[in-house]
Amino acid sequence: MEAKLFQERQSQTLLSQAEGQLDQAKTVYQTAQSQAERVAATQQWDQALNQLQQISANTLAGQIARTKLNLYRNEHNRLIPQP
């Protein structure tokens, strides 16, 4: 039981961190003055998406992450032109 609670807490922390990173990347991308800033923001966004994928699906935070991952990917694809 303690291990499960620890895993849930860790997953929730990872979810919060990834969402914060996503929000920051989106803001930086939208306010970027240069191509280099946009590239850096895109890389940060991609890293945060990868972090969301790494959260254990066996936790509530992992299930939330899976749902939000699709939303964040769609937003990523909508805002950032694909090469």
Protein backbone atom coordinates (compact mmCIF):
# COMPACT_ATOMS: atom_id res chain seq x y z
CA MET A 1 0.00 0.00 0.00
CA GLU A 2 2.82 2.40 0.87
CA ALA A 3 4.60 1.64 -2.40
CA LYS A 4 1.43 2.35 -4.37
CA LEU A 5 0.93 5.65 -2.56
CA PHE A 6 4.55 6.60 -3.25
CA GLN A 7 4.12 5.76 -6.94
CA GLU A 8 0.95 7.87 -7.10
CA ARG A 9 2.70 10.84 -5.50
CA GLN A 10 5.70 10.53 -7.81
CA SER A 11 3.44 10.29 -10.84
CA GLN A 12 1.46 13.34 -9.76
CA THR A 13 4.70 15.28 -9.33
CA LEU A 14 5.88 14.24 -12.79
CA LEU A 15 2.52 15.23 -14.28
CA SER A 16 2.66 18.66 -12.65
CA GLN A 17 6.23 19.23 -13.81
CA ALA A 18 5.47 18.19 -17.37
CA GLU A 19 2.40 20.40 -17.53
CA GLY A 20 4.39 23.35 -16.20
CA GLN A 21 7.06 22.73 -18.82
CA LEU A 22 4.40 22.51 -21.53
CA ASP A 23 2.80 25.79 -20.47
CA GLN A 24 6.18 27.49 -20.41
CA ALA A 25 7.16 26.11 -23.82
CA LYS A 26 3.88 27.24 -25.34
CA THR A 27 4.30 30.76 -23.94
CA VAL A 28 7.91 30.98 -25.12
CA TYR A 29 6.95 29.71 -28.57
CA GLN A 30 4.09 32.18 -28.93
CA THR A 31 6.21 35.13 -27.84
CA ALA A 32 9.45 34.09 -29.57
CA GLN A 33 11.28 36.85 -31.38
CA SER A 34 13.64 34.57 -33.29
CA GLN A 35 13.79 31.20 -34.96
CA ALA A 36 16.27 30.02 -32.32
CA GLU A 37 13.75 30.77 -29.56
CA ARG A 38 11.04 28.88 -31.45
CA VAL A 39 13.35 25.89 -31.92
CA ALA A 40 14.25 25.86 -28.22
CA ALA A 41 10.59 26.10 -27.22
CA THR A 42 9.68 23.29 -29.62
CA GLN A 43 12.38 21.09 -28.13
CA GLN A 44 11.14 21.85 -24.61
CA TRP A 45 7.59 21.05 -25.70
CA ASP A 46 8.71 17.73 -27.19
CA GLN A 47 10.60 16.84 -23.99
CA ALA A 48 7.52 17.55 -21.89
CA LEU A 49 5.39 15.38 -24.18
CA ASN A 50 7.92 12.58 -23.72
CA GLN A 51 7.77 13.04 -19.95
CA LEU A 52 4.01 12.65 -20.04
CA GLN A 53 4.42 9.39 -21.93
CA GLN A 54 6.79 8.07 -19.27
CA ILE A 55 4.30 8.40 -16.41
CA SER A 56 3.06 4.98 -15.36
CA ALA A 57 -0.36 4.22 -16.81
CA ASN A 58 -1.07 2.23 -13.64
CA THR A 59 -1.57 5.46 -11.71
CA LEU A 60 -4.32 8.05 -11.75
CA ALA A 61 -1.78 10.68 -12.85
CA GLY A 62 -0.72 8.36 -15.67
CA GLN A 63 -4.30 8.00 -16.85
CA ILE A 64 -4.74 11.77 -16.74
CA ALA A 65 -1.44 12.18 -18.58
CA ARG A 66 -2.61 9.87 -21.39
CA THR A 67 -5.75 11.93 -21.85
CA LYS A 68 -3.90 15.23 -21.78
CA LEU A 69 -1.13 13.91 -24.00
CA ASN A 70 -3.50 13.73 -26.94
CA LEU A 71 -4.71 17.27 -26.28
CA TYR A 72 -1.16 18.61 -25.97
CA ARG A 73 -0.07 16.80 -29.14
CA ASN A 74 -2.98 18.24 -31.07
CA GLU A 75 -2.15 21.72 -29.81
CA HIS A 76 1.51 21.17 -30.68
CA ASN A 77 0.59 20.13 -34.20
CA ARG A 78 -1.78 23.05 -34.58
CA LEU A 79 0.65 25.75 -33.38
CA ILE A 80 3.97 24.45 -34.64
CA PRO A 81 4.37 23.94 -38.38
CA GLN A 82 5.69 20.52 -39.28
CA PRO A 83 8.65 20.32 -41.68
